[in-house]
Each structure stands twice: as structure tokens, then as C-alpha cells.
Amino acid sequence: MPAHRWLLLLLALAVAPASAQMLPSGTWTGEVVRAGGDRQPVSAELERCAGGFTLALDIGGRTTEVPEDAPATWRRGTLAFETGRVRLSGGLWPRPLVCTLAADDEGALAGTCQWGGERVRLRLSPPADASFGC
């Protein structure tokens, strides 16, 4: 490959948003919004280690975790995960939350989750005191 093509490839990698390359560990905060507009505060304890991710969500005082045997994945700026069962405000029964969140230019994660038969929106802002790794 000619030298100028290598330089273009390196430049493209260097200018890619940091949010698409790394996912910081720490306490992420945001909200989940149900179809009817009901909003609940969310905090997410995310830790990225050499062996993968741990993720625990606190939604309106109820905590649910991503199981160790099916960890969250981070690929190309997208975080995908399925939690244990959680009951959202106004819901009768706890259900797993299956989410796909994409990173934006500010490093926040936003997207949709499936909660039983309902689609909900989830947005998380990165921690102010983030670290990379355990």
C-alpha cells in the first residue's frame, strides 16, 4: 500500500470520535422514558475490565444487573445488553430489559430498549470522573 494511503488510514482512525473507540467505567446517569411519556431516573454502574463488562442499572430505586454469563458488548460505538428482570414505574410485572444504545458526539449513550412488549427510550450521560478499565 502506498505511503499516502497509510497516512490517510491513520488520520481517519485518529479523528474518529473517542466515544466510538472507548467506553469509560463509572456511574452513568440519565433517564428511561416509556411510550406514554412516563420518565424515571436511571443510574448505571458500568465497569470495563479485561474480561468484559459488568453493568448494574438502578431505575427508580430498583436495581437490575446484566448477568455474567451474557455480558454487555461494546462494538463500533454501540452498547448492547440484556438485564435481569426489572419493574418500571406503572408496570405490573418485572421483565428483562433488552437494550441497544449508540454513542453520540458528546459521549452519551442513547437508544431503545425492549421491556416485554413495550419499547422504551434510554439515555445515559457519561461519568464526570470516568476511568478506562478496572
Protein backbone atom coordinates (compact mmCIF):
# COMPACT_ATOMS: atom_id res chain seq x y z
CA MET A 1 0.00 0.00 0.00
CA PRO A 2 1.44 3.41 -0.92
CA ALA A 3 2.60 5.62 1.94
CA HIS A 4 -0.08 8.28 1.35
CA ARG A 5 -2.84 5.66 1.80
CA TRP A 6 -1.32 4.60 5.13
CA LEU A 7 -1.32 8.22 6.24
CA LEU A 8 -4.98 8.63 5.27
CA LEU A 9 -5.90 5.47 7.17
CA LEU A 10 -4.04 6.65 10.28
CA LEU A 11 -5.66 10.09 10.03
CA ALA A 12 -9.14 8.54 9.75
CA LEU A 13 -8.51 6.46 12.86
CA ALA A 14 -7.13 9.44 14.77
CA VAL A 15 -10.13 11.68 14.11
CA ALA A 16 -12.76 9.04 14.96
CA PRO A 17 -14.79 10.15 17.97
CA ALA A 18 -13.42 8.93 21.29
CA SER A 19 -16.91 7.71 22.18
CA ALA A 20 -16.75 5.21 19.32
CA GLN A 21 -13.41 3.84 20.50
CA MET A 22 -13.63 3.54 24.28
CA LEU A 23 -16.36 3.23 26.87
CA PRO A 24 -15.43 4.70 30.27
CA SER A 25 -16.13 2.94 33.55
CA GLY A 26 -18.02 4.74 36.30
CA THR A 27 -21.53 5.89 37.19
CA TRP A 28 -23.57 6.93 34.15
CA THR A 29 -26.79 8.90 34.76
CA GLY A 30 -29.88 9.57 32.72
CA GLU A 31 -33.48 8.54 32.30
CA VAL A 32 -35.75 5.91 30.84
CA VAL A 33 -38.88 7.13 29.03
CA ARG A 34 -41.87 4.87 28.50
CA ALA A 35 -44.20 5.14 25.49
CA GLY A 36 -46.77 7.19 27.44
CA GLY A 37 -44.12 9.74 28.43
CA ASP A 38 -43.51 8.47 31.98
CA ARG A 39 -39.90 9.23 32.92
CA GLN A 40 -37.74 7.57 35.55
CA PRO A 41 -34.21 8.47 36.64
CA VAL A 42 -31.55 5.89 35.88
CA SER A 43 -28.02 5.37 37.12
CA ALA A 44 -25.77 2.73 35.64
CA GLU A 45 -22.63 1.35 37.24
CA LEU A 46 -20.51 0.31 34.29
CA GLU A 47 -17.11 -1.28 34.67
CA ARG A 48 -14.97 -2.35 31.77
CA CYS A 49 -12.33 -4.93 32.59
CA ALA A 50 -10.04 -7.12 30.53
CA GLY A 51 -12.61 -9.94 30.70
CA GLY A 52 -15.59 -7.81 29.61
CA PHE A 53 -18.23 -5.61 31.22
CA THR A 54 -20.22 -5.53 34.40
CA LEU A 55 -23.35 -3.39 34.34
CA ALA A 56 -25.90 -2.67 37.06
CA LEU A 57 -28.85 -0.35 36.45
CA ASP A 58 -30.78 1.44 39.17
CA ILE A 59 -34.14 2.51 37.76
CA GLY A 60 -36.34 4.39 40.20
CA GLY A 61 -34.76 2.64 43.20
CA ARG A 62 -34.91 -0.84 41.67
CA THR A 63 -31.61 -2.48 40.73
CA THR A 64 -31.07 -4.99 37.94
CA GLU A 65 -27.84 -6.38 36.55
CA VAL A 66 -26.53 -7.80 33.32
CA PRO A 67 -25.78 -11.46 34.05
CA GLU A 68 -22.16 -12.60 33.96
CA ASP A 69 -22.95 -15.42 31.53
CA ALA A 70 -24.37 -12.91 28.99
CA PRO A 71 -22.28 -9.73 29.43
CA ALA A 72 -22.84 -6.38 27.77
CA THR A 73 -21.00 -5.88 24.50
CA TRP A 74 -19.37 -2.73 23.09
CA ARG A 75 -18.79 -2.69 19.34
CA ARG A 76 -18.37 0.21 16.93
CA GLY A 77 -19.85 2.76 19.31
CA THR A 78 -22.84 0.63 20.33
CA LEU A 79 -23.54 -0.89 23.75
CA ALA A 80 -25.89 -3.88 23.74
CA PHE A 81 -27.13 -5.71 26.82
CA GLU A 82 -29.96 -7.62 28.48
CA THR A 83 -30.61 -7.19 32.18
CA GLY A 84 -32.30 -9.37 34.72
CA ARG A 85 -35.91 -8.62 35.49
CA VAL A 86 -36.91 -5.07 36.47
CA ARG A 87 -40.27 -3.42 37.08
CA LEU A 88 -40.62 0.04 35.55
CA SER A 89 -42.95 2.65 37.02
CA GLY A 90 -46.55 1.79 36.23
CA GLY A 91 -45.68 -1.76 35.19
CA LEU A 92 -47.34 -4.72 36.88
CA TRP A 93 -44.61 -7.34 36.49
CA PRO A 94 -40.82 -7.26 36.28
CA ARG A 95 -39.36 -8.12 32.88
CA PRO A 96 -35.89 -8.19 31.32
CA LEU A 97 -34.71 -5.01 29.62
CA VAL A 98 -33.01 -5.62 26.24
CA CYS A 99 -31.16 -2.50 25.04
CA THR A 100 -29.08 -1.23 22.15
CA LEU A 101 -27.55 2.19 22.85
CA ALA A 102 -25.38 4.19 20.45
CA ALA A 103 -22.75 6.75 21.44
CA ASP A 104 -23.24 10.33 20.30
CA ASP A 105 -20.58 13.01 19.71
CA GLU A 106 -20.69 14.10 23.38
CA GLY A 107 -20.06 10.53 24.61
CA ALA A 108 -23.63 9.92 25.85
CA LEU A 109 -25.39 6.65 25.09
CA ALA A 110 -28.96 6.69 23.76
CA GLY A 111 -31.30 4.24 22.13
CA THR A 112 -34.24 1.96 22.61
CA CYS A 113 -34.89 -0.98 24.87
CA GLN A 114 -37.45 -3.72 24.70
CA TRP A 115 -39.26 -4.25 28.01
CA GLY A 116 -41.72 -7.08 27.49
CA GLY A 117 -43.97 -5.93 24.63
CA GLU A 118 -43.11 -2.25 25.11
CA ARG A 119 -40.31 -0.18 23.59
CA VAL A 120 -38.77 2.38 25.92
CA ARG A 121 -36.08 5.01 25.35
CA LEU A 122 -32.94 5.11 27.48
CA ARG A 123 -30.31 7.85 27.57
CA LEU A 124 -27.19 7.81 29.74
CA SER A 125 -24.60 10.58 30.17
CA PRO A 126 -21.00 9.58 30.90
CA PRO A 127 -19.48 9.93 34.34
CA ALA A 128 -17.59 13.11 35.15
CA ASP A 129 -14.84 11.10 36.87
CA ALA A 130 -14.56 8.30 34.33
CA SER A 131 -11.76 5.77 34.17
CA PHE A 132 -10.83 3.29 31.49
CA GLY A 133 -10.65 -0.20 32.94
CA CYS A 134 -10.94 -1.71 36.39
